[in-house]
Amino acid sequence: MSTEVLAAVRHRRILALLASREFVTVTEVRAATGASLATANRDLSVLAAAGALTRIRGGATRAAPPPAGPSGQERVLVACLVQARRAAERHDLAAVEGALHQALTTCRQLRDRHVSDNIRPPRKEAS
């Protein structure tokens, strides 16, 4: 068995450990993988560099989730609304109508995507 295969097996075991708890120590990694202290530390460093976990003193924690940013459709929606506002400032009602039509179309696409992903869009609470 090659060292690359062994490393992949160790990495899977380390990630499985982290899936079941918030953090792991190097000692726990060594016990789970049968690796030496140096190998356990190296494996944690490799997984941290790949973004699979976050290194802490004496072990590792689960990787932080990536920050959620607006999707492409959400950026299009904002751009349409900005365009509608600017057109309104110019008193260009045809451009306002076109921008709002595009914004409404984008809203419908976003709603359909949320529904298809079984995610309900957040509801506004009554004021």
N, C-alpha and C. Protein backbone atom coordinates (compact mmCIF):
# COMPACT_ATOMS: atom_id res chain seq x y z
N MET A 1 0.86 -1.18 0.00
CA MET A 1 0.00 0.00 0.00
C MET A 1 0.89 1.23 0.00
N SER A 2 0.62 2.17 -0.90
CA SER A 2 1.47 3.36 -1.01
C SER A 2 1.17 4.34 0.11
N THR A 3 2.12 5.25 0.33
CA THR A 3 1.95 6.26 1.38
C THR A 3 0.80 7.21 1.06
N GLU A 4 0.55 7.48 -0.24
CA GLU A 4 -0.55 8.37 -0.62
C GLU A 4 -1.89 7.76 -0.22
N VAL A 5 -2.03 6.45 -0.40
CA VAL A 5 -3.26 5.77 -0.01
C VAL A 5 -3.41 5.82 1.50
N LEU A 6 -2.33 5.56 2.20
CA LEU A 6 -2.38 5.61 3.66
C LEU A 6 -2.74 7.01 4.15
N ALA A 7 -2.17 8.02 3.51
CA ALA A 7 -2.48 9.40 3.89
C ALA A 7 -3.96 9.70 3.65
N ALA A 8 -4.50 9.24 2.54
CA ALA A 8 -5.92 9.46 2.24
C ALA A 8 -6.81 8.79 3.28
N VAL A 9 -6.42 7.59 3.70
CA VAL A 9 -7.19 6.88 4.73
C VAL A 9 -7.11 7.64 6.05
N ARG A 10 -5.93 8.10 6.41
CA ARG A 10 -5.79 8.89 7.65
C ARG A 10 -6.62 10.16 7.59
N HIS A 11 -6.58 10.83 6.44
CA HIS A 11 -7.34 12.08 6.29
C HIS A 11 -8.84 11.83 6.44
N ARG A 12 -9.33 10.73 5.84
CA ARG A 12 -10.75 10.40 5.98
C ARG A 12 -11.10 10.14 7.45
N ARG A 13 -10.22 9.45 8.15
CA ARG A 13 -10.48 9.17 9.57
C ARG A 13 -10.49 10.45 10.40
N ILE A 14 -9.58 11.35 10.09
CA ILE A 14 -9.52 12.63 10.82
C ILE A 14 -10.80 13.42 10.57
N LEU A 15 -11.23 13.49 9.32
CA LEU A 15 -12.45 14.24 8.99
C LEU A 15 -13.69 13.58 9.60
N ALA A 16 -13.69 12.26 9.68
CA ALA A 16 -14.81 11.55 10.32
C ALA A 16 -14.85 11.88 11.81
N LEU A 17 -13.67 11.96 12.43
CA LEU A 17 -13.61 12.36 13.85
C LEU A 17 -14.19 13.75 14.03
N LEU A 18 -13.79 14.68 13.18
CA LEU A 18 -14.28 16.05 13.29
C LEU A 18 -15.77 16.16 12.98
N ALA A 19 -16.28 15.27 12.18
CA ALA A 19 -17.71 15.29 11.88
C ALA A 19 -18.54 14.92 13.11
N SER A 20 -17.95 14.15 14.00
CA SER A 20 -18.69 13.69 15.18
C SER A 20 -18.48 14.57 16.41
N ARG A 21 -17.55 15.50 16.35
CA ARG A 21 -17.31 16.40 17.48
C ARG A 21 -16.81 17.74 17.00
N GLU A 22 -16.79 18.71 17.89
CA GLU A 22 -16.43 20.08 17.55
C GLU A 22 -14.93 20.25 17.26
N PHE A 23 -14.09 19.54 17.99
CA PHE A 23 -12.64 19.63 17.80
C PHE A 23 -11.99 18.30 18.14
N VAL A 24 -10.76 18.13 17.66
CA VAL A 24 -9.99 16.93 17.99
C VAL A 24 -8.60 17.36 18.44
N THR A 25 -7.99 16.55 19.29
CA THR A 25 -6.62 16.81 19.71
C THR A 25 -5.69 15.95 18.88
N VAL A 26 -4.43 16.31 18.89
CA VAL A 26 -3.43 15.52 18.16
C VAL A 26 -3.38 14.11 18.73
N THR A 27 -3.54 13.96 20.02
CA THR A 27 -3.53 12.64 20.65
C THR A 27 -4.69 11.79 20.12
N GLU A 28 -5.86 12.39 19.97
CA GLU A 28 -7.01 11.65 19.43
C GLU A 28 -6.77 11.27 17.97
N VAL A 29 -6.13 12.16 17.21
CA VAL A 29 -5.81 11.87 15.81
C VAL A 29 -4.84 10.70 15.76
N ARG A 30 -3.84 10.73 16.62
CA ARG A 30 -2.87 9.62 16.65
C ARG A 30 -3.56 8.30 16.98
N ALA A 31 -4.48 8.31 17.95
CA ALA A 31 -5.18 7.09 18.34
C ALA A 31 -6.07 6.57 17.20
N ALA A 32 -6.70 7.48 16.49
CA ALA A 32 -7.62 7.08 15.42
C ALA A 32 -6.89 6.59 14.18
N THR A 33 -5.68 7.12 13.93
CA THR A 33 -4.97 6.79 12.69
C THR A 33 -3.78 5.86 12.90
N GLY A 34 -3.29 5.77 14.12
CA GLY A 34 -2.10 4.97 14.38
C GLY A 34 -0.83 5.66 13.90
N ALA A 35 -0.90 6.96 13.65
CA ALA A 35 0.24 7.70 13.11
C ALA A 35 1.12 8.23 14.24
N SER A 36 2.34 8.59 13.88
CA SER A 36 3.24 9.21 14.84
C SER A 36 2.80 10.65 15.08
N LEU A 37 3.39 11.29 16.09
CA LEU A 37 3.07 12.67 16.40
C LEU A 37 3.36 13.58 15.20
N ALA A 38 4.51 13.40 14.57
CA ALA A 38 4.89 14.23 13.43
C ALA A 38 3.92 14.03 12.26
N THR A 39 3.54 12.78 11.99
CA THR A 39 2.62 12.49 10.89
C THR A 39 1.24 13.07 11.18
N ALA A 40 0.77 12.94 12.42
CA ALA A 40 -0.54 13.50 12.79
C ALA A 40 -0.54 15.01 12.59
N ASN A 41 0.52 15.68 13.03
CA ASN A 41 0.62 17.13 12.85
C ASN A 41 0.68 17.50 11.37
N ARG A 42 1.43 16.73 10.60
CA ARG A 42 1.54 16.99 9.17
C ARG A 42 0.19 16.80 8.49
N ASP A 43 -0.54 15.72 8.85
CA ASP A 43 -1.86 15.49 8.27
C ASP A 43 -2.81 16.64 8.59
N LEU A 44 -2.79 17.11 9.83
CA LEU A 44 -3.64 18.24 10.20
C LEU A 44 -3.27 19.49 9.42
N SER A 45 -1.98 19.71 9.22
CA SER A 45 -1.53 20.88 8.44
C SER A 45 -1.96 20.78 6.98
N VAL A 46 -1.87 19.60 6.40
CA VAL A 46 -2.28 19.39 5.01
C VAL A 46 -3.79 19.64 4.87
N LEU A 47 -4.57 19.09 5.80
CA LEU A 47 -6.02 19.28 5.74
C LEU A 47 -6.41 20.74 5.98
N ALA A 48 -5.65 21.43 6.84
CA ALA A 48 -5.91 22.85 7.09
C ALA A 48 -5.60 23.67 5.84
N ALA A 49 -4.52 23.35 5.17
CA ALA A 49 -4.15 24.07 3.94
C ALA A 49 -5.20 23.86 2.85
N ALA A 50 -5.85 22.71 2.86
CA ALA A 50 -6.89 22.41 1.88
C ALA A 50 -8.23 23.02 2.29
N GLY A 51 -8.31 23.61 3.48
CA GLY A 51 -9.54 24.23 3.95
C GLY A 51 -10.53 23.27 4.57
N ALA A 52 -10.10 22.03 4.83
CA ALA A 52 -11.00 21.02 5.39
C ALA A 52 -11.20 21.16 6.89
N LEU A 53 -10.27 21.84 7.55
CA LEU A 53 -10.36 22.06 9.00
C LEU A 53 -9.56 23.30 9.35
N THR A 54 -9.65 23.69 10.61
CA THR A 54 -8.89 24.85 11.10
C THR A 54 -7.96 24.36 12.20
N ARG A 55 -6.68 24.67 12.07
CA ARG A 55 -5.71 24.26 13.09
C ARG A 55 -5.84 25.13 14.33
N ILE A 56 -5.76 24.50 15.47
CA ILE A 56 -5.66 25.19 16.75
C ILE A 56 -4.51 24.56 17.51
N ARG A 57 -4.08 25.21 18.57
CA ARG A 57 -2.97 24.66 19.35
C ARG A 57 -3.37 23.30 19.92
N GLY A 58 -2.61 22.28 19.58
CA GLY A 58 -2.84 20.94 20.09
C GLY A 58 -3.87 20.13 19.32
N GLY A 59 -4.37 20.64 18.20
CA GLY A 59 -5.36 19.87 17.46
C GLY A 59 -5.97 20.66 16.32
N ALA A 60 -7.29 20.46 16.13
CA ALA A 60 -7.99 21.12 15.04
C ALA A 60 -9.48 21.22 15.35
N THR A 61 -10.13 22.17 14.69
CA THR A 61 -11.58 22.32 14.77
C THR A 61 -12.15 22.19 13.37
N ARG A 62 -13.46 22.11 13.30
CA ARG A 62 -14.11 22.07 11.99
C ARG A 62 -13.82 23.36 11.25
N ALA A 63 -13.77 23.26 9.95
CA ALA A 63 -13.53 24.44 9.12
C ALA A 63 -14.72 25.37 9.21
N ALA A 64 -14.45 26.66 9.23
CA ALA A 64 -15.52 27.64 9.25
C ALA A 64 -16.23 27.63 7.90
N PRO A 65 -17.55 27.76 7.90
CA PRO A 65 -18.25 27.78 6.62
C PRO A 65 -17.89 29.03 5.84
N PRO A 66 -17.86 28.94 4.52
CA PRO A 66 -17.53 30.12 3.74
C PRO A 66 -18.59 31.19 3.92
N PRO A 67 -18.19 32.45 3.88
CA PRO A 67 -19.19 33.50 4.03
C PRO A 67 -20.17 33.48 2.87
N ALA A 68 -21.43 33.67 3.20
CA ALA A 68 -22.45 33.66 2.16
C ALA A 68 -22.53 35.04 1.53
N GLY A 69 -22.40 35.06 0.26
CA GLY A 69 -22.50 36.31 -0.48
C GLY A 69 -23.72 36.25 -1.37
N PRO A 70 -24.08 37.37 -1.95
CA PRO A 70 -25.24 37.37 -2.82
C PRO A 70 -24.98 36.55 -4.09
N SER A 71 -26.03 35.88 -4.54
CA SER A 71 -25.90 35.10 -5.78
C SER A 71 -25.91 36.05 -6.97
N GLY A 72 -25.64 35.52 -8.13
CA GLY A 72 -25.66 36.32 -9.34
C GLY A 72 -27.02 36.95 -9.58
N GLN A 73 -28.09 36.18 -9.35
CA GLN A 73 -29.43 36.72 -9.55
C GLN A 73 -29.74 37.82 -8.53
N GLU A 74 -29.26 37.68 -7.32
CA GLU A 74 -29.49 38.72 -6.31
C GLU A 74 -28.77 40.01 -6.70
N ARG A 75 -27.58 39.89 -7.28
CA ARG A 75 -26.86 41.08 -7.75
C ARG A 75 -27.60 41.73 -8.92
N VAL A 76 -28.17 40.91 -9.80
CA VAL A 76 -28.96 41.44 -10.91
C VAL A 76 -30.16 42.21 -10.38
N LEU A 77 -30.83 41.66 -9.37
CA LEU A 77 -31.99 42.32 -8.78
C LEU A 77 -31.61 43.69 -8.22
N VAL A 78 -30.52 43.77 -7.48
CA VAL A 78 -30.08 45.05 -6.92
C VAL A 78 -29.76 46.03 -8.05
N ALA A 79 -29.09 45.56 -9.08
CA ALA A 79 -28.74 46.43 -10.20
C ALA A 79 -30.00 46.97 -10.88
N CYS A 80 -31.02 46.12 -11.03
CA CYS A 80 -32.27 46.57 -11.65
C CYS A 80 -32.94 47.65 -10.81
N LEU A 81 -32.94 47.46 -9.51
CA LEU A 81 -33.58 48.45 -8.63
C LEU A 81 -32.82 49.77 -8.64
N VAL A 82 -31.51 49.70 -8.69
CA VAL A 82 -30.71 50.93 -8.78
C VAL A 82 -31.00 51.63 -10.11
N GLN A 83 -31.08 50.84 -11.16
CA GLN A 83 -31.38 51.40 -12.49
C GLN A 83 -32.77 52.06 -12.49
N ALA A 84 -33.74 51.43 -11.84
CA ALA A 84 -35.09 52.00 -11.77
C ALA A 84 -35.08 53.32 -11.00
N ARG A 85 -34.34 53.38 -9.90
CA ARG A 85 -34.26 54.61 -9.12
C ARG A 85 -33.64 55.74 -9.93
N ARG A 86 -32.57 55.43 -10.63
CA ARG A 86 -31.91 56.47 -11.45
C ARG A 86 -32.82 56.95 -12.58
N ALA A 87 -33.55 56.00 -13.17
CA ALA A 87 -34.48 56.38 -14.24
C ALA A 87 -35.59 57.26 -13.68
N ALA A 88 -36.06 56.96 -12.46
CA ALA A 88 -37.10 57.76 -11.83
C ALA A 88 -36.60 59.17 -11.56
N GLU A 89 -35.34 59.28 -11.16
CA GLU A 89 -34.76 60.61 -10.91
C GLU A 89 -34.70 61.43 -12.20
N ARG A 90 -34.58 60.76 -13.35
CA ARG A 90 -34.54 61.44 -14.66
C ARG A 90 -35.94 61.63 -15.23
N HIS A 91 -36.96 61.12 -14.51
CA HIS A 91 -38.36 61.16 -14.96
C HIS A 91 -38.55 60.38 -16.25
N ASP A 92 -37.77 59.29 -16.42
CA ASP A 92 -37.87 58.44 -17.61
C ASP A 92 -38.73 57.23 -17.24
N LEU A 93 -40.05 57.39 -17.39
CA LEU A 93 -40.97 56.35 -16.94
C LEU A 93 -40.85 55.05 -17.73
N ALA A 94 -40.49 55.13 -19.00
CA ALA A 94 -40.31 53.91 -19.80
C ALA A 94 -39.14 53.10 -19.25
N ALA A 95 -38.04 53.77 -18.89
CA ALA A 95 -36.88 53.07 -18.33
C ALA A 95 -37.20 52.51 -16.95
N VAL A 96 -38.00 53.24 -16.14
CA VAL A 96 -38.41 52.74 -14.83
C VAL A 96 -39.21 51.46 -15.01
N GLU A 97 -40.16 51.48 -15.95
CA GLU A 97 -40.99 50.30 -16.20
C GLU A 97 -40.14 49.11 -16.63
N GLY A 98 -39.20 49.33 -17.52
CA GLY A 98 -38.33 48.24 -18.00
C GLY A 98 -37.48 47.66 -16.87
N ALA A 99 -36.92 48.53 -16.04
CA ALA A 99 -36.07 48.07 -14.94
C ALA A 99 -36.89 47.31 -13.90
N LEU A 100 -38.09 47.82 -13.60
CA LEU A 100 -38.94 47.14 -12.62
C LEU A 100 -39.45 45.80 -13.17
N HIS A 101 -39.72 45.75 -14.48
CA HIS A 101 -40.12 44.48 -15.09
C HIS A 101 -38.99 43.44 -14.95
N GLN A 102 -37.76 43.86 -15.22
CA GLN A 102 -36.61 42.96 -15.08
C GLN A 102 -36.43 42.54 -13.62
N ALA A 103 -36.64 43.48 -12.69
CA ALA A 103 -36.51 43.16 -11.27
C ALA A 103 -37.57 42.14 -10.86
N LEU A 104 -38.80 42.32 -11.33
CA LEU A 104 -39.87 41.38 -11.00
C LEU A 104 -39.57 39.99 -11.56
N THR A 105 -39.09 39.94 -12.78
CA THR A 105 -38.72 38.66 -13.39
C THR A 105 -37.64 37.96 -12.57
N THR A 106 -36.65 38.73 -12.14
CA THR A 106 -35.55 38.18 -11.33
C THR A 106 -36.08 37.70 -9.98
N CYS A 107 -36.99 38.46 -9.37
CA CYS A 107 -37.60 38.03 -8.10
C CYS A 107 -38.31 36.70 -8.25
N ARG A 108 -39.04 36.55 -9.34
CA ARG A 108 -39.75 35.29 -9.57
C ARG A 108 -38.77 34.13 -9.72
N GLN A 109 -37.66 34.36 -10.43
CA GLN A 109 -36.65 33.31 -10.59
C GLN A 109 -36.04 32.94 -9.25
N LEU A 110 -35.76 33.94 -8.42
CA LEU A 110 -35.21 33.67 -7.09
C LEU A 110 -36.21 32.88 -6.25
N ARG A 111 -37.47 33.26 -6.29
CA ARG A 111 -38.50 32.56 -5.53
C ARG A 111 -38.60 31.11 -5.99
N ASP A 112 -38.61 30.89 -7.30
CA ASP A 112 -38.70 29.54 -7.83
C ASP A 112 -37.50 28.70 -7.42
N ARG A 113 -36.32 29.32 -7.40
CA ARG A 113 -35.12 28.60 -6.97
C ARG A 113 -35.23 28.22 -5.50
N HIS A 114 -35.70 29.13 -4.67
CA HIS A 114 -35.85 28.82 -3.24
C HIS A 114 -36.87 27.71 -3.03
N VAL A 115 -37.96 27.75 -3.76
CA VAL A 115 -38.99 26.72 -3.62
C VAL A 115 -38.43 25.37 -4.08
N SER A 116 -37.72 25.36 -5.18
CA SER A 116 -37.18 24.10 -5.69
C SER A 116 -36.10 23.53 -4.78
N ASP A 117 -35.42 24.39 -4.03
CA ASP A 117 -34.41 23.91 -3.08
C ASP A 117 -35.02 23.60 -1.72
N ASN A 118 -36.36 23.65 -1.63
CA ASN A 118 -37.08 23.44 -0.37
C ASN A 118 -36.65 24.41 0.71
N ILE A 119 -36.31 25.61 0.27
CA ILE A 119 -35.95 26.66 1.21
C ILE A 119 -36.98 27.75 1.04
N ARG A 120 -37.65 28.08 2.11
CA ARG A 120 -38.62 29.16 2.02
C ARG A 120 -37.91 30.49 2.17
N PRO A 121 -38.29 31.46 1.35
CA PRO A 121 -37.69 32.78 1.51
C PRO A 121 -38.10 33.36 2.86
N PRO A 122 -37.23 34.14 3.49
CA PRO A 122 -37.58 34.69 4.79
C PRO A 122 -38.82 35.58 4.69
N ARG A 123 -39.70 35.46 5.68
CA ARG A 123 -40.91 36.27 5.69
C ARG A 123 -40.69 37.49 6.55
N LYS A 124 -41.27 38.59 6.10
CA LYS A 124 -41.18 39.80 6.90
C LYS A 124 -42.21 39.71 8.01
N GLU A 125 -41.80 40.12 9.19
CA GLU A 125 -42.72 40.12 10.31
C GLU A 125 -43.58 41.37 10.23
N ALA A 126 -44.81 41.23 10.70
CA ALA A 126 -45.73 42.37 10.68
C ALA A 126 -45.21 43.48 11.58
N SER A 127 -45.29 44.70 11.10
CA SER A 127 -44.80 45.84 11.87
C SER A 127 -45.87 46.38 12.77
